[in-house]
Amino acid sequence: MVSTRAKSRRGVALVDAIVAVIILGVSLSVILSLTGQAISSQRVGEEIQNAAMLADEQLNLVLSRGPDDYAKSFPISGECDEPFTQYRFKLQIDGQGDAAPYKVGCTITWDSSGRERTVSVNTLVASRTLTNQIDRQPVEPVERGL
């Protein structure tokens, strides 16, 4: 015959096993939810990085063309080029030029998980004048030692 003491030990072992399974299940669910949040945060971070890169690209275009001539030749708002067609840009160029710099702002907008997100960058850009043009030709020929 089995004593009552042996039966109670089996009961305690069964309770220990059930508690261990419950703790393991809760731990796994917490780990999976944290993994999901980490993946979502990484995706949002990549989107913000792409938007910052696109804003920098738009501001470099304004800088290379000059803020006073940019709006005449290029659109100041629209959809970004492939493969970033989910992003939209809008430029704002304020100022008269002359001695004061132009205030140039770029806003990149996109939809992410049903929310509209934006990144805005503002900077100052000096106007291009004829006096700012530098003659890049050397006065004397450059000697190159080979």
Protein backbone atom coordinates (compact mmCIF):
# COMPACT_ATOMS: atom_id res chain seq x y z
CA MET A 1 0.00 0.00 0.00
CA VAL A 2 0.99 3.55 -0.61
CA SER A 3 1.28 5.69 2.40
CA THR A 4 -0.39 9.09 2.71
CA ARG A 5 2.99 10.70 2.93
CA ALA A 6 3.98 9.42 -0.56
CA LYS A 7 0.64 10.64 -1.97
CA SER A 8 1.18 14.12 -0.57
CA ARG A 9 4.68 14.26 -2.08
CA ARG A 10 3.26 13.38 -5.51
CA GLY A 11 0.69 16.15 -5.08
CA VAL A 12 3.39 18.69 -4.21
CA ALA A 13 5.47 17.61 -7.24
CA LEU A 14 2.44 18.05 -9.49
CA VAL A 15 1.75 21.54 -8.08
CA ASP A 16 5.44 22.43 -8.58
CA ALA A 17 5.27 21.31 -12.22
CA ILE A 18 2.06 23.31 -12.86
CA VAL A 19 3.56 26.45 -11.27
CA ALA A 20 6.73 26.03 -13.37
CA VAL A 21 4.68 25.73 -16.58
CA ILE A 22 2.67 28.84 -15.67
CA ILE A 23 5.85 30.86 -14.94
CA LEU A 24 7.40 29.65 -18.21
CA GLY A 25 4.27 30.63 -20.15
CA VAL A 26 4.14 34.11 -18.62
CA SER A 27 7.87 34.59 -19.28
CA LEU A 28 7.52 33.57 -22.92
CA SER A 29 4.56 35.88 -23.47
CA VAL A 30 6.50 38.81 -21.99
CA ILE A 31 9.52 38.04 -24.19
CA LEU A 32 7.34 37.82 -27.31
CA SER A 33 5.61 41.12 -26.58
CA LEU A 34 8.96 42.85 -25.98
CA THR A 35 10.27 41.42 -29.25
CA GLY A 36 7.24 42.79 -31.09
CA GLN A 37 7.75 46.23 -29.54
CA ALA A 38 11.45 46.18 -30.46
CA ILE A 39 10.65 45.33 -34.09
CA SER A 40 8.04 48.09 -34.23
CA SER A 41 10.46 50.62 -32.71
CA GLN A 42 13.14 49.62 -35.21
CA ARG A 43 10.72 50.13 -38.12
CA VAL A 44 9.74 53.60 -36.86
CA GLY A 45 13.42 54.47 -36.39
CA GLU A 46 14.19 53.44 -39.97
CA GLU A 47 11.28 55.57 -41.23
CA ILE A 48 12.54 58.61 -39.30
CA GLN A 49 16.06 58.02 -40.62
CA ASN A 50 14.74 57.84 -44.21
CA ALA A 51 12.73 61.03 -43.69
CA ALA A 52 15.77 62.87 -42.32
CA MET A 53 17.84 61.72 -45.29
CA LEU A 54 15.14 62.91 -47.73
CA ALA A 55 14.93 66.30 -45.98
CA ASP A 56 18.70 66.65 -46.20
CA GLU A 57 18.56 65.80 -49.90
CA GLN A 58 15.90 68.47 -50.55
CA LEU A 59 17.87 71.09 -48.60
CA ASN A 60 21.03 70.21 -50.55
CA LEU A 61 19.11 70.76 -53.80
CA VAL A 62 18.07 74.20 -52.59
CA LEU A 63 21.65 74.95 -51.58
CA SER A 64 23.11 73.80 -54.90
CA ARG A 65 20.61 75.73 -57.05
CA GLY A 66 20.37 78.74 -54.79
CA PRO A 67 17.25 79.58 -52.81
CA ASP A 68 16.29 82.50 -55.05
CA ASP A 69 16.20 80.37 -58.23
CA TYR A 70 15.06 77.03 -56.80
CA ALA A 71 11.31 77.68 -56.79
CA LYS A 72 11.43 78.82 -60.43
CA SER A 73 12.91 75.53 -61.64
CA PHE A 74 11.74 72.87 -59.21
CA PRO A 75 8.54 72.02 -57.32
CA ILE A 76 8.42 73.09 -53.69
CA SER A 77 6.11 70.24 -52.71
CA GLY A 78 5.31 66.77 -53.92
CA GLU A 79 6.04 63.09 -53.62
CA CYS A 80 9.59 61.83 -53.16
CA ASP A 81 11.24 59.75 -55.87
CA GLU A 82 11.36 55.95 -55.97
CA PRO A 83 11.68 53.95 -53.72
CA PHE A 84 10.44 56.54 -51.21
CA THR A 85 7.05 57.29 -52.77
CA GLN A 86 5.26 56.95 -49.42
CA TYR A 87 7.08 60.13 -48.30
CA ARG A 88 5.92 63.65 -49.28
CA PHE A 89 7.99 66.82 -49.05
CA LYS A 90 7.16 70.49 -48.71
CA LEU A 91 9.72 73.29 -48.88
CA GLN A 92 9.26 76.76 -47.48
CA ILE A 93 11.68 79.45 -48.67
CA ASP A 94 11.35 82.84 -46.95
CA GLY A 95 13.51 85.91 -47.46
CA GLN A 96 14.42 88.60 -49.92
CA GLY A 97 18.03 87.69 -50.39
CA ASP A 98 20.18 90.83 -50.46
CA ALA A 99 22.30 90.73 -47.30
CA ALA A 100 19.89 88.69 -45.17
CA PRO A 101 19.94 84.89 -45.51
CA TYR A 102 16.95 82.92 -46.71
CA LYS A 103 15.05 80.85 -44.15
CA VAL A 104 14.60 77.45 -45.73
CA GLY A 105 12.44 74.75 -44.17
CA CYS A 106 11.72 71.23 -45.34
CA THR A 107 8.93 69.06 -43.96
CA ILE A 108 8.74 65.35 -44.82
CA THR A 109 5.39 63.64 -44.15
CA TRP A 110 4.44 59.96 -44.32
CA ASP A 111 1.81 57.55 -42.99
CA SER A 112 2.92 54.94 -40.49
CA SER A 113 0.55 52.44 -38.90
CA GLY A 114 -2.45 54.68 -39.52
CA ARG A 115 -0.72 57.77 -38.10
CA GLU A 116 0.68 60.69 -40.01
CA ARG A 117 4.28 61.37 -39.02
CA THR A 118 6.44 64.35 -39.91
CA VAL A 119 10.07 65.44 -39.75
CA SER A 120 10.90 69.14 -40.14
CA VAL A 121 14.30 70.70 -40.72
CA ASN A 122 14.97 74.46 -40.85
CA THR A 123 18.16 76.22 -41.88
CA LEU A 124 19.52 79.51 -43.15
CA VAL A 125 20.99 79.78 -46.65
CA ALA A 126 22.85 82.80 -48.01
CA SER A 127 21.67 84.17 -51.35
CA ARG A 128 23.80 83.79 -54.42
CA THR A 129 25.08 87.04 -55.80
CA LEU A 130 27.62 87.86 -58.45
CA THR A 131 30.05 89.04 -55.80
CA ASN A 132 29.94 85.59 -54.20
CA GLN A 133 31.15 83.93 -57.40
CA ILE A 134 34.76 82.85 -56.97
CA ASP A 135 37.07 82.41 -59.94
CA ARG A 136 38.40 78.91 -59.47
CA GLN A 137 41.12 79.18 -62.14
CA PRO A 138 44.66 79.32 -60.73
CA VAL A 139 46.69 82.43 -61.52
CA GLU A 140 49.74 80.32 -62.29
CA PRO A 141 49.74 76.80 -63.69
CA VAL A 142 49.93 74.09 -61.05
CA GLU A 143 53.11 72.03 -61.22
CA ARG A 144 52.52 68.38 -60.68
CA GLY A 145 55.44 66.26 -59.63
CA LEU A 146 55.20 62.79 -61.05
